[in-house]
PDB file of N, CA and C in Angstrom:
ATOM      1  N   UNK A   1      29.679  -2.659-127.976  1.00  0.00           N
ATOM      2  CA  UNK A   1      28.347  -2.927-127.468  1.00  0.00           C
ATOM      3  C   UNK A   1      28.171  -2.233-126.135  1.00  0.00           C
ATOM      4  N   UNK A   2      27.000  -1.658-125.947  1.00  0.00           N
ATOM      5  CA  UNK A   2      26.755  -1.029-124.661  1.00  0.00           C
ATOM      6  C   UNK A   2      26.110  -2.036-123.707  1.00  0.00           C
ATOM      7  N   UNK A   3      25.898  -1.650-122.471  1.00  0.00           N
ATOM      8  CA  UNK A   3      25.355  -2.522-121.434  1.00  0.00           C
ATOM      9  C   UNK A   3      23.969  -3.059-121.768  1.00  0.00           C
ATOM     10  N   UNK A   4      23.119  -2.224-122.387  1.00  0.00           N
ATOM     11  CA  UNK A   4      21.769  -2.654-122.737  1.00  0.00           C
ATOM     12  C   UNK A   4      21.796  -3.739-123.813  1.00  0.00           C
ATOM     13  N   UNK A   5      22.685  -3.616-124.776  1.00  0.00           N
ATOM     14  CA  UNK A   5      22.793  -4.615-125.843  1.00  0.00           C
ATOM     15  C   UNK A   5      23.278  -5.948-125.294  1.00  0.00           C
ATOM     16  N   UNK A   6      24.254  -5.912-124.386  1.00  0.00           N
ATOM     17  CA  UNK A   6      24.768  -7.141-123.786  1.00  0.00           C
ATOM     18  C   UNK A   6      23.674  -7.825-122.974  1.00  0.00           C
ATOM     19  N   UNK A   7      22.920  -7.048-122.207  1.00  0.00           N
ATOM     20  CA  UNK A   7      21.823  -7.619-121.415  1.00  0.00           C
ATOM     21  C   UNK A   7      20.774  -8.260-122.314  1.00  0.00           C
ATOM     22  N   UNK A   8      20.465  -7.606-123.421  1.00  0.00           N
ATOM     23  CA  UNK A   8      19.468  -8.147-124.348  1.00  0.00           C
ATOM     24  C   UNK A   8      19.938  -9.457-124.962  1.00  0.00           C
ATOM     25  N   UNK A   9      21.221  -9.546-125.318  1.00  0.00           N
ATOM     26  CA  UNK A   9      21.775 -10.768-125.892  1.00  0.00           C
ATOM     27  C   UNK A   9      21.743 -11.895-124.863  1.00  0.00           C
ATOM     28  N   UNK A  10      22.092 -11.607-123.631  1.00  0.00           N
ATOM     29  CA  UNK A  10      22.072 -12.621-122.571  1.00  0.00           C
ATOM     30  C   UNK A  10      20.645 -13.110-122.336  1.00  0.00           C
ATOM     31  N   UNK A  11      19.699 -12.192-122.249  1.00  0.00           N
ATOM     32  CA  UNK A  11      18.305 -12.578-122.018  1.00  0.00           C
ATOM     33  C   UNK A  11      17.772 -13.417-123.172  1.00  0.00           C
ATOM     34  N   UNK A  12      18.100 -13.083-124.401  1.00  0.00           N
ATOM     35  CA  UNK A  12      17.666 -13.852-125.564  1.00  0.00           C
ATOM     36  C   UNK A  12      18.275 -15.245-125.548  1.00  0.00           C
ATOM     37  N   UNK A  13      19.544 -15.358-125.197  1.00  0.00           N
ATOM     38  CA  UNK A  13      20.215 -16.656-125.126  1.00  0.00           C
ATOM     39  C   UNK A  13      19.563 -17.543-124.072  1.00  0.00           C
ATOM     40  N   UNK A  14      19.270 -16.985-122.910  1.00  0.00           N
ATOM     41  CA  UNK A  14      18.612 -17.748-121.843  1.00  0.00           C
ATOM     42  C   UNK A  14      17.221 -18.187-122.286  1.00  0.00           C
ATOM     43  N   UNK A  15      16.462 -17.295-122.911  1.00  0.00           N
ATOM     44  CA  UNK A  15      15.108 -17.626-123.364  1.00  0.00           C
ATOM     45  C   UNK A  15      15.124 -18.762-124.378  1.00  0.00           C
ATOM     46  N   UNK A  16      16.069 -18.743-125.297  1.00  0.00           N
ATOM     47  CA  UNK A  16      16.174 -19.811-126.293  1.00  0.00           C
ATOM     48  C   UNK A  16      16.543 -21.125-125.616  1.00  0.00           C
ATOM     49  N   UNK A  17      17.469 -21.080-124.672  1.00  0.00           N
ATOM     50  CA  UNK A  17      17.876 -22.292-123.960  1.00  0.00           C
ATOM     51  C   UNK A  17      16.741 -22.897-123.163  1.00  0.00           C
ATOM     52  N   UNK A  18      15.970 -22.074-122.467  1.00  0.00           N
ATOM     53  CA  UNK A  18      14.848 -22.569-121.666  1.00  0.00           C
ATOM     54  C   UNK A  18      13.752 -23.120-122.564  1.00  0.00           C
ATOM     55  N   UNK A  19      13.502 -22.507-123.690  1.00  0.00           N
ATOM     56  CA  UNK A  19      12.437 -22.978-124.577  1.00  0.00           C
ATOM     57  C   UNK A  19      12.757 -24.335-125.184  1.00  0.00           C
ATOM     58  N   UNK A  20      14.013 -24.731-125.184  1.00  0.00           N
ATOM     59  CA  UNK A  20      14.397 -26.027-125.748  1.00  0.00           C
ATOM     60  C   UNK A  20      14.222 -27.172-124.751  1.00  0.00           C
ATOM     61  N   UNK A  21      13.941 -26.854-123.477  1.00  0.00           N
ATOM     62  CA  UNK A  21      13.779 -27.890-122.456  1.00  0.00           C
ATOM     63  C   UNK A  21      12.427 -28.587-122.610  1.00  0.00           C
ATOM     64  N   UNK A  22      12.427 -29.888-122.394  1.00  0.00           N
ATOM     65  CA  UNK A  22      11.178 -30.635-122.375  1.00  0.00           C
ATOM     66  C   UNK A  22      11.140 -31.482-121.114  1.00  0.00           C
ATOM     67  N   UNK A  23       9.945 -31.665-120.591  1.00  0.00           N
ATOM     68  CA  UNK A  23       9.759 -32.476-119.393  1.00  0.00           C
ATOM     69  C   UNK A  23       8.765 -33.571-119.724  1.00  0.00           C
ATOM     70  N   UNK A  24       9.141 -34.822-119.495  1.00  0.00           N
ATOM     71  CA  UNK A  24       8.271 -35.958-119.761  1.00  0.00           C
ATOM     72  C   UNK A  24       8.061 -36.726-118.470  1.00  0.00           C
ATOM     73  N   UNK A  25       6.788 -36.874-118.003  1.00  0.00           N
ATOM     74  CA  UNK A  25       6.558 -37.630-116.780  1.00  0.00           C
ATOM     75  C   UNK A  25       6.790 -39.115-117.012  1.00  0.00           C
ATOM     76  N   UNK A  26       7.414 -39.832-116.053  1.00  0.00           N
ATOM     77  CA  UNK A  26       7.691 -41.253-116.240  1.00  0.00           C
ATOM     78  C   UNK A  26       6.468 -42.121-116.014  1.00  0.00           C
ATOM     79  N   UNK A  27       6.311 -43.178-116.811  1.00  0.00           N
ATOM     80  CA  UNK A  27       5.308 -44.222-116.618  1.00  0.00           C
ATOM     81  C   UNK A  27       3.880 -43.713-116.500  1.00  0.00           C
ATOM     82  N   UNK A  28       3.520 -42.645-117.182  1.00  0.00           N
ATOM     83  CA  UNK A  28       2.161 -42.128-117.074  1.00  0.00           C
ATOM     84  C   UNK A  28       1.534 -42.090-118.460  1.00  0.00           C
ATOM     85  N   UNK A  29       0.296 -42.592-118.550  1.00  0.00           N
ATOM     86  CA  UNK A  29      -0.435 -42.489-119.799  1.00  0.00           C
ATOM     87  C   UNK A  29      -1.882 -42.167-119.484  1.00  0.00           C
ATOM     88  N   UNK A  30      -2.526 -41.429-120.376  1.00  0.00           N
ATOM     89  CA  UNK A  30      -3.918 -41.064-120.152  1.00  0.00           C
ATOM     90  C   UNK A  30      -4.804 -42.227-120.557  1.00  0.00           C
ATOM     91  N   UNK A  31      -5.723 -42.599-119.680  1.00  0.00           N
ATOM     92  CA  UNK A  31      -6.610 -43.715-119.934  1.00  0.00           C
ATOM     93  C   UNK A  31      -8.015 -43.334-119.500  1.00  0.00           C
ATOM     94  N   UNK A  32      -8.862 -42.958-120.440  1.00  0.00           N
ATOM     95  CA  UNK A  32     -10.224 -42.581-120.095  1.00  0.00           C
ATOM     96  C   UNK A  32     -10.231 -41.303-119.279  1.00  0.00           C
ATOM     97  N   UNK A  33     -11.096 -41.254-118.253  1.00  0.00           N
ATOM     98  CA  UNK A  33     -11.231 -40.020-117.484  1.00  0.00           C
ATOM     99  C   UNK A  33     -10.146 -39.812-116.444  1.00  0.00           C
ATOM    100  N   UNK A  34      -9.248 -40.766-116.255  1.00  0.00           N
ATOM    101  CA  UNK A  34      -8.221 -40.632-115.230  1.00  0.00           C
ATOM    102  C   UNK A  34      -6.842 -40.925-115.824  1.00  0.00           C
ATOM    103  N   UNK A  35      -5.817 -40.587-115.088  1.00  0.00           N
ATOM    104  CA  UNK A  35      -4.455 -40.888-115.499  1.00  0.00           C
ATOM    105  C   UNK A  35      -4.104 -42.280-114.990  1.00  0.00           C
ATOM    106  N   UNK A  36      -3.559 -43.124-115.860  1.00  0.00           N
ATOM    107  CA  UNK A  36      -3.153 -44.474-115.474  1.00  0.00           C
ATOM    108  C   UNK A  36      -1.657 -44.494-115.211  1.00  0.00           C
ATOM    109  N   UNK A  37      -1.271 -45.161-114.147  1.00  0.00           N
ATOM    110  CA  UNK A  37       0.129 -45.282-113.763  1.00  0.00           C
ATOM    111  C   UNK A  37       0.479 -46.758-113.704  1.00  0.00           C
ATOM    112  N   UNK A  38       1.636 -47.131-114.248  1.00  0.00           N
ATOM    113  CA  UNK A  38       2.088 -48.521-114.279  1.00  0.00           C
ATOM    114  C   UNK A  38       3.165 -48.750-113.245  1.00  0.00           C
ATOM    115  N   UNK A  39       3.136 -49.915-112.588  1.00  0.00           N
ATOM    116  CA  UNK A  39       4.161 -50.292-111.610  1.00  0.00           C
ATOM    117  C   UNK A  39       4.613 -51.716-111.912  1.00  0.00           C
ATOM    118  N   UNK A  40       5.876 -52.033-111.694  1.00  0.00           N
ATOM    119  CA  UNK A  40       6.371 -53.380-111.981  1.00  0.00           C
ATOM    120  C   UNK A  40       6.051 -54.395-110.881  1.00  0.00           C
ATOM    121  N   UNK A  41       5.623 -53.920-109.710  1.00  0.00           N
ATOM    122  CA  UNK A  41       5.314 -54.811-108.590  1.00  0.00           C
ATOM    123  C   UNK A  41       3.939 -54.470-108.021  1.00  0.00           C
ATOM    124  N   UNK A  42       3.264 -55.458-107.414  1.00  0.00           N
ATOM    125  CA  UNK A  42       1.939 -55.178-106.852  1.00  0.00           C
ATOM    126  C   UNK A  42       2.033 -54.283-105.617  1.00  0.00           C
ATOM    127  N   UNK A  43       0.942 -53.576-105.310  1.00  0.00           N
ATOM    128  CA  UNK A  43       0.950 -52.748-104.104  1.00  0.00           C
ATOM    129  C   UNK A  43       0.826 -53.612-102.852  1.00  0.00           C
ATOM    130  N   UNK A  44       1.275 -53.099-101.701  1.00  0.00           N
ATOM    131  CA  UNK A  44       1.049 -53.807-100.441  1.00  0.00           C
ATOM    132  C   UNK A  44      -0.453 -53.849-100.132  1.00  0.00           C
ATOM    133  N   UNK A  45      -0.799 -54.574 -99.094  1.00  0.00           N
ATOM    134  CA  UNK A  45      -2.197 -54.619 -98.652  1.00  0.00           C
ATOM    135  C   UNK A  45      -2.640 -53.221 -98.227  1.00  0.00           C
ATOM    136  N   UNK A  46      -3.934 -52.941 -98.419  1.00  0.00           N
ATOM    137  CA  UNK A  46      -4.459 -51.648 -97.997  1.00  0.00           C
ATOM    138  C   UNK A  46      -4.311 -51.484 -96.496  1.00  0.00           C
ATOM    139  N   UNK A  47      -4.101 -50.276 -96.061  1.00  0.00           N
ATOM    140  CA  UNK A  47      -3.991 -49.985 -94.636  1.00  0.00           C
ATOM    141  C   UNK A  47      -5.384 -49.775 -94.045  1.00  0.00           C
ATOM    142  N   UNK A  48      -5.514 -50.059 -92.768  1.00  0.00           N
ATOM    143  CA  UNK A  48      -6.752 -49.763 -92.055  1.00  0.00           C
ATOM    144  C   UNK A  48      -6.689 -48.300 -91.637  1.00  0.00           C
ATOM    145  N   UNK A  49      -7.717 -47.563 -92.007  1.00  0.00           N
ATOM    146  CA  UNK A  49      -7.741 -46.137 -91.696  1.00  0.00           C
ATOM    147  C   UNK A  49      -8.850 -45.838 -90.703  1.00  0.00           C
ATOM    148  N   UNK A  50      -8.589 -44.929 -89.807  1.00  0.00           N
ATOM    149  CA  UNK A  50      -9.601 -44.436 -88.885  1.00  0.00           C
ATOM    150  C   UNK A  50     -10.124 -43.127 -89.462  1.00  0.00           C
ATOM    151  N   UNK A  51     -11.421 -43.121 -89.778  1.00  0.00           N
ATOM    152  CA  UNK A  51     -12.007 -41.935 -90.390  1.00  0.00           C
ATOM    153  C   UNK A  51     -12.356 -40.908 -89.312  1.00  0.00           C
ATOM    154  N   UNK A  52     -11.850 -39.700 -89.435  1.00  0.00           N
ATOM    155  CA  UNK A  52     -12.283 -38.652 -88.518  1.00  0.00           C
ATOM    156  C   UNK A  52     -13.719 -38.255 -88.865  1.00  0.00           C
ATOM    157  N   UNK A  53     -14.389 -37.533 -88.005  1.00  0.00           N
ATOM    158  CA  UNK A  53     -15.759 -37.102 -88.330  1.00  0.00           C
ATOM    159  C   UNK A  53     -15.760 -36.233 -89.592  1.00  0.00           C
ATOM    160  N   UNK A  54     -16.816 -36.332 -90.395  1.00  0.00           N
ATOM    161  CA  UNK A  54     -16.873 -35.498 -91.607  1.00  0.00           C
ATOM    162  C   UNK A  54     -16.993 -34.021 -91.247  1.00  0.00           C
ATOM    163  N   UNK A  55     -16.456 -33.151 -92.106  1.00  0.00           N
ATOM    164  CA  UNK A  55     -16.540 -31.718 -91.825  1.00  0.00           C
ATOM    165  C   UNK A  55     -17.970 -31.192 -91.918  1.00  0.00           C
ATOM    166  N   UNK A  56     -18.799 -31.843 -92.783  1.00  0.00           N
ATOM    167  CA  UNK A  56     -20.214 -31.467 -92.947  1.00  0.00           C
ATOM    168  C   UNK A  56     -20.976 -32.707 -93.371  1.00  0.00           C
ATOM    169  N   UNK A  57     -22.298 -32.625 -93.348  1.00  0.00           N
ATOM    170  CA  UNK A  57     -23.122 -33.791 -93.669  1.00  0.00           C
ATOM    171  C   UNK A  57     -23.060 -34.197 -95.140  1.00  0.00           C
ATOM    172  N   UNK A  58     -22.705 -33.308 -96.044  1.00  0.00           N
ATOM    173  CA  UNK A  58     -22.693 -33.613 -97.481  1.00  0.00           C
ATOM    174  C   UNK A  58     -21.314 -34.057 -97.976  1.00  0.00           C
ATOM    175  N   UNK A  59     -20.460 -34.543 -97.079  1.00  0.00           N
ATOM    176  CA  UNK A  59     -19.147 -35.055 -97.438  1.00  0.00           C
ATOM    177  C   UNK A  59     -19.134 -36.574 -97.354  1.00  0.00           C
ATOM    178  N   UNK A  60     -18.261 -37.205 -98.105  1.00  0.00           N
ATOM    179  CA  UNK A  60     -18.091 -38.660 -98.016  1.00  0.00           C
ATOM    180  C   UNK A  60     -16.598 -38.974 -97.967  1.00  0.00           C
ATOM    181  N   UNK A  61     -16.278 -40.170 -97.503  1.00  0.00           N
ATOM    182  CA  UNK A  61     -14.892 -40.582 -97.306  1.00  0.00           C
ATOM    183  C   UNK A  61     -14.323 -41.186 -98.580  1.00  0.00           C
ATOM    184  N   UNK A  62     -13.188 -40.645 -99.054  1.00  0.00           N
ATOM    185  CA  UNK A  62     -12.420 -41.220-100.163  1.00  0.00           C
ATOM    186  C   UNK A  62     -11.311 -42.036 -99.503  1.00  0.00           C
ATOM    187  N   UNK A  63     -11.328 -43.366 -99.676  1.00  0.00           N
ATOM    188  CA  UNK A  63     -10.342 -44.192 -98.973  1.00  0.00           C
ATOM    189  C   UNK A  63      -8.919 -43.967 -99.470  1.00  0.00           C
ATOM    190  N   UNK A  64      -7.963 -44.273 -98.588  1.00  0.00           N
ATOM    191  CA  UNK A  64      -6.554 -44.167 -98.941  1.00  0.00           C
ATOM    192  C   UNK A  64      -6.170 -45.234 -99.956  1.00  0.00           C
ATOM    193  N   UNK A  65      -5.007 -45.062-100.571  1.00  0.00           N
ATOM    194  CA  UNK A  65      -4.551 -45.997-101.610  1.00  0.00           C
ATOM    195  C   UNK A  65      -3.034 -45.929-101.715  1.00  0.00           C
ATOM    196  N   UNK A  66      -2.477 -46.936-102.378  1.00  0.00           N
ATOM    197  CA  UNK A  66      -1.041 -46.951-102.658  1.00  0.00           C
ATOM    198  C   UNK A  66      -0.785 -46.288-104.005  1.00  0.00           C
ATOM    199  N   UNK A  67       0.112 -45.300-104.031  1.00  0.00           N
ATOM    200  CA  UNK A  67       0.498 -44.599-105.255  1.00  0.00           C
ATOM    201  C   UNK A  67       1.930 -45.003-105.603  1.00  0.00           C
ATOM    202  N   UNK A  68       2.192 -45.225-106.886  1.00  0.00           N
ATOM    203  CA  UNK A  68       3.544 -45.551-107.345  1.00  0.00           C
ATOM    204  C   UNK A  68       4.314 -44.262-107.548  1.00  0.00           C
ATOM    205  N   UNK A  69       5.495 -44.161-106.894  1.00  0.00           N
ATOM    206  CA  UNK A  69       6.363 -42.996-107.034  1.00  0.00           C
ATOM    207  C   UNK A  69       7.764 -43.461-107.362  1.00  0.00           C
ATOM    208  N   UNK A  70       8.190 -43.249-108.564  1.00  0.00           N
ATOM    209  CA  UNK A  70       9.538 -43.552-109.049  1.00  0.00           C
ATOM    210  C   UNK A  70       9.888 -45.026-108.951  1.00  0.00           C
ATOM    211  N   UNK A  71      10.134 -45.527-107.733  1.00  0.00           N
ATOM    212  CA  UNK A  71      10.602 -46.901-107.598  1.00  0.00           C
ATOM    213  C   UNK A  71       9.903 -47.681-106.497  1.00  0.00           C
ATOM    214  N   UNK A  72       8.824 -47.132-105.935  1.00  0.00           N
ATOM    215  CA  UNK A  72       8.117 -47.850-104.866  1.00  0.00           C
ATOM    216  C   UNK A  72       6.710 -47.293-104.662  1.00  0.00           C
ATOM    217  N   UNK A  73       5.927 -48.060-103.921  1.00  0.00           N
ATOM    218  CA  UNK A  73       4.579 -47.628-103.564  1.00  0.00           C
ATOM    219  C   UNK A  73       4.643 -46.758-102.317  1.00  0.00           C
ATOM    220  N   UNK A  74       3.857 -45.686-102.317  1.00  0.00           N
ATOM    221  CA  UNK A  74       3.746 -44.798-101.160  1.00  0.00           C
ATOM    222  C   UNK A  74       2.271 -44.638-100.821  1.00  0.00           C
ATOM    223  N   UNK A  75       1.968 -44.680 -99.535  1.00  0.00           N
ATOM    224  CA  UNK A  75       0.587 -44.592 -99.074  1.00  0.00           C
ATOM    225  C   UNK A  75       0.077 -43.155 -99.140  1.00  0.00           C
ATOM    226  N   UNK A  76      -1.142 -42.991 -99.686  1.00  0.00           N
ATOM    227  CA  UNK A  76      -1.836 -41.709 -99.712  1.00  0.00           C
ATOM    228  C   UNK A  76      -3.033 -41.859 -98.784  1.00  0.00           C
ATOM    229  N   UNK A  77      -3.095 -41.048 -97.761  1.00  0.00           N
ATOM    230  CA  UNK A  77      -4.157 -41.173 -96.763  1.00  0.00           C
ATOM    231  C   UNK A  77      -5.513 -40.799 -97.347  1.00  0.00           C
ATOM    232  N   UNK A  78      -6.553 -41.462 -96.826  1.00  0.00           N
ATOM    233  CA  UNK A  78      -7.914 -41.126 -97.212  1.00  0.00           C
ATOM    234  C   UNK A  78      -8.285 -39.730 -96.722  1.00  0.00           C
ATOM    235  N   UNK A  79      -9.364 -39.205 -97.279  1.00  0.00           N
ATOM    236  CA  UNK A  79      -9.784 -37.852 -96.914  1.00  0.00           C
ATOM    237  C   UNK A  79     -11.270 -37.670 -97.217  1.00  0.00           C
ATOM    238  N   UNK A  80     -11.842 -36.652 -96.655  1.00  0.00           N
ATOM    239  CA  UNK A  80     -13.236 -36.305 -96.915  1.00  0.00           C
ATOM    240  C   UNK A  80     -13.320 -35.402 -98.136  1.00  0.00           C
ATOM    241  N   UNK A  81     -14.317 -35.648 -98.989  1.00  0.00           N
ATOM    242  CA  UNK A  81     -14.587 -34.762-100.131  1.00  0.00           C
ATOM    243  C   UNK A  81     -16.072 -34.443-100.169  1.00  0.00           C
ATOM    244  N   UNK A  82     -16.357 -33.266-100.662  1.00  0.00           N
ATOM    245  CA  UNK A  82     -17.757 -32.869-100.778  1.00  0.00           C
ATOM    246  C   UNK A  82     -18.399 -33.623-101.932  1.00  0.00           C
ATOM    247  N   UNK A  83     -19.620 -34.092-101.712  1.00  0.00           N
ATOM    248  CA  UNK A  83     -20.344 -34.791-102.777  1.00  0.00           C
ATOM    249  C   UNK A  83     -20.583 -33.842-103.947  1.00  0.00           C
ATOM    250  N   UNK A  84     -20.628 -34.422-105.140  1.00  0.00           N
ATOM    251  CA  UNK A  84     -20.896 -33.644-106.345  1.00  0.00           C
ATOM    252  C   UNK A  84     -22.236 -34.099-106.922  1.00  0.00           C
ATOM    253  N   UNK A  85     -23.016 -33.154-107.291  1.00  0.00           N
ATOM    254  CA  UNK A  85     -24.344 -33.458-107.825  1.00  0.00           C
ATOM    255  C   UNK A  85     -24.221 -34.212-109.152  1.00  0.00           C
ATOM    256  N   UNK A  86     -24.958 -35.309-109.272  1.00  0.00           N
ATOM    257  CA  UNK A  86     -25.013 -36.141-110.487  1.00  0.00           C
ATOM    258  C   UNK A  86     -23.674 -36.798-110.830  1.00  0.00           C
ATOM    259  N   UNK A  87     -22.827 -37.021-109.829  1.00  0.00           N
ATOM    260  CA  UNK A  87     -21.550 -37.697-110.049  1.00  0.00           C
ATOM    261  C   UNK A  87     -21.281 -38.662-108.893  1.00  0.00           C
ATOM    262  N   UNK A  88     -20.482 -39.675-109.164  1.00  0.00           N
ATOM    263  CA  UNK A  88     -20.001 -40.543-108.090  1.00  0.00           C
ATOM    264  C   UNK A  88     -18.499 -40.735-108.274  1.00  0.00           C
ATOM    265  N   UNK A  89     -17.823 -41.014-107.167  1.00  0.00           N
ATOM    266  CA  UNK A  89     -16.374 -41.134-107.192  1.00  0.00           C
ATOM    267  C   UNK A  89     -15.982 -42.579-107.479  1.00  0.00           C
ATOM    268  N   UNK A  90     -15.064 -42.780-108.409  1.00  0.00           N
ATOM    269  CA  UNK A  90     -14.515 -44.097-108.719  1.00  0.00           C
ATOM    270  C   UNK A  90     -13.172 -44.183-108.005  1.00  0.00           C
ATOM    271  N   UNK A  91     -13.104 -45.045-106.984  1.00  0.00           N
ATOM    272  CA  UNK A  91     -11.895 -45.151-106.158  1.00  0.00           C
ATOM    273  C   UNK A  91     -10.723 -45.746-106.925  1.00  0.00           C
ATOM    274  N   UNK A  92      -9.529 -45.449-106.446  1.00  0.00           N
ATOM    275  CA  UNK A  92      -8.312 -45.997-107.024  1.00  0.00           C
ATOM    276  C   UNK A  92      -8.264 -47.501-106.773  1.00  0.00           C
ATOM    277  N   UNK A  93      -7.743 -48.231-107.762  1.00  0.00           N
ATOM    278  CA  UNK A  93      -7.536 -49.680-107.615  1.00  0.00           C
ATOM    279  C   UNK A  93      -6.382 -50.079-108.524  1.00  0.00           C
ATOM    280  N   UNK A  94      -5.745 -51.189-108.175  1.00  0.00           N
ATOM    281  CA  UNK A  94      -4.646 -51.728-108.973  1.00  0.00           C
ATOM    282  C   UNK A  94      -5.120 -52.985-109.681  1.00  0.00           C
ATOM    283  N   UNK A  95      -4.876 -53.076-110.986  1.00  0.00           N
ATOM    284  CA  UNK A  95      -5.216 -54.247-111.794  1.00  0.00           C
ATOM    285  C   UNK A  95      -3.951 -54.748-112.471  1.00  0.00           C
ATOM    286  N   UNK A  96      -3.829 -56.081-112.551  1.00  0.00           N
ATOM    287  CA  UNK A  96      -2.667 -56.670-113.216  1.00  0.00           C
ATOM    288  C   UNK A  96      -3.030 -57.018-114.650  1.00  0.00           C
ATOM    289  N   UNK A  97      -2.137 -56.681-115.590  1.00  0.00           N
ATOM    290  CA  UNK A  97      -2.407 -57.007-116.990  1.00  0.00           C
ATOM    291  C   UNK A  97      -1.826 -58.378-117.346  1.00  0.00           C
ATOM    292  N   UNK A  98      -1.996 -58.800-118.598  1.00  0.00           N
ATOM    293  CA  UNK A  98      -1.548 -60.126-119.043  1.00  0.00           C
ATOM    294  C   UNK A  98      -0.028 -60.277-119.073  1.00  0.00           C
ATOM    295  N   UNK A  99       0.700 -59.160-118.951  1.00  0.00           N
ATOM    296  CA  UNK A  99       2.167 -59.194-118.952  1.00  0.00           C
ATOM    297  C   UNK A  99       2.743 -59.109-117.539  1.00  0.00           C
ATOM    298  N   UNK A 100       1.880 -59.121-116.530  1.00  0.00           N
ATOM    299  CA  UNK A 100       2.342 -59.066-115.151  1.00  0.00           C
ATOM    300  C   UNK A 100       2.584 -57.671-114.603  1.00  0.00           C
ATOM    301  N   UNK A 101       2.323 -56.649-115.403  1.00  0.00           N
ATOM    302  CA  UNK A 101       2.482 -55.275-114.934  1.00  0.00           C
ATOM    303  C   UNK A 101       1.229 -54.857-114.165  1.00  0.00           C
ATOM    304  N   UNK A 102       1.388 -53.915-113.256  1.00  0.00           N
ATOM    305  CA  UNK A 102       0.283 -53.424-112.454  1.00  0.00           C
ATOM    306  C   UNK A 102      -0.084 -52.022-112.888  1.00  0.00           C
ATOM    307  N   UNK A 103      -1.380 -51.811-113.098  1.00  0.00           N
ATOM    308  CA  UNK A 103      -1.870 -50.508-113.540  1.00  0.00           C
ATOM    309  C   UNK A 103      -2.836 -49.952-112.510  1.00  0.00           C
ATOM    310  N   UNK A 104      -2.623 -48.695-112.129  1.00  0.00           N
ATOM    311  CA  UNK A 104      -3.545 -48.033-111.220  1.00  0.00           C
ATOM    312  C   UNK A 104      -4.661 -47.402-112.041  1.00  0.00           C
ATOM    313  N   UNK A 105      -5.886 -47.671-111.640  1.00  0.00           N
ATOM    314  CA  UNK A 105      -7.053 -47.117-112.310  1.00  0.00           C
ATOM    315  C   UNK A 105      -7.921 -46.403-111.282  1.00  0.00           C
ATOM    316  N   UNK A 106      -8.773 -45.542-111.750  1.00  0.00           N
ATOM    317  CA  UNK A 106      -9.700 -44.856-110.868  1.00  0.00           C
ATOM    318  C   UNK A 106      -9.129 -43.559-110.338  1.00  0.00           C
ATOM    319  N   UNK A 107      -9.798 -43.084-109.281  1.00  0.00           N
ATOM    320  CA  UNK A 107      -9.390 -41.809-108.697  1.00  0.00           C
ATOM    321  C   UNK A 107      -9.987 -40.625-109.434  1.00  0.00           C
ATOM    322  N   UNK A 108     -11.250 -40.747-109.853  1.00  0.00           N
ATOM    323  CA  UNK A 108     -11.885 -39.661-110.592  1.00  0.00           C
ATOM    324  C   UNK A 108     -13.388 -39.639-110.323  1.00  0.00           C
ATOM    325  N   UNK A 109     -13.999 -38.525-110.676  1.00  0.00           N
ATOM    326  CA  UNK A 109     -15.445 -38.379-110.574  1.00  0.00           C
ATOM    327  C   UNK A 109     -16.081 -38.808-111.888  1.00  0.00           C
ATOM    328  N   UNK A 110     -17.138 -39.628-111.785  1.00  0.00           N
ATOM    329  CA  UNK A 110     -17.841 -40.114-112.978  1.00  0.00           C
ATOM    330  C   UNK A 110     -19.255 -39.540-112.996  1.00  0.00           C
ATOM    331  N   UNK A 111     -19.621 -38.993-114.133  1.00  0.00           N
ATOM    332  CA  UNK A 111     -20.963 -38.395-114.298  1.00  0.00           C
ATOM    333  C   UNK A 111     -21.993 -39.516-114.339  1.00  0.00           C
ATOM    334  N   UNK A 112     -23.057 -39.406-113.546  1.00  0.00           N
ATOM    335  CA  UNK A 112     -24.142 -40.393-113.532  1.00  0.00           C
ATOM    336  C   UNK A 112     -25.049 -40.251-114.740  1.00  0.00           C
TER     337      UNK A 112
END
């Protein structure tokens, strides 16, 4: 075998190996217009945020929220977003189901 043939065999072997890999996100399921995330414990109380001035008059404040990451809640700071015509933002919230699990809902734009 010459050098080009060996390189081709190696590249083919790597390509086959990589194509066999799969990645599955933990605890995530699609629910309506947003992604729902499940947590085994409730989130802490919301933090008090100080809103900086908006960048422009057509922006509104999206409040911060607790996001579940692997094994705990992590705070995501609020931010300004530009308003969207004929849409309103549905903020993130945590709801408890009948089995005691906590589900994060919201965090998406809803068409009016």
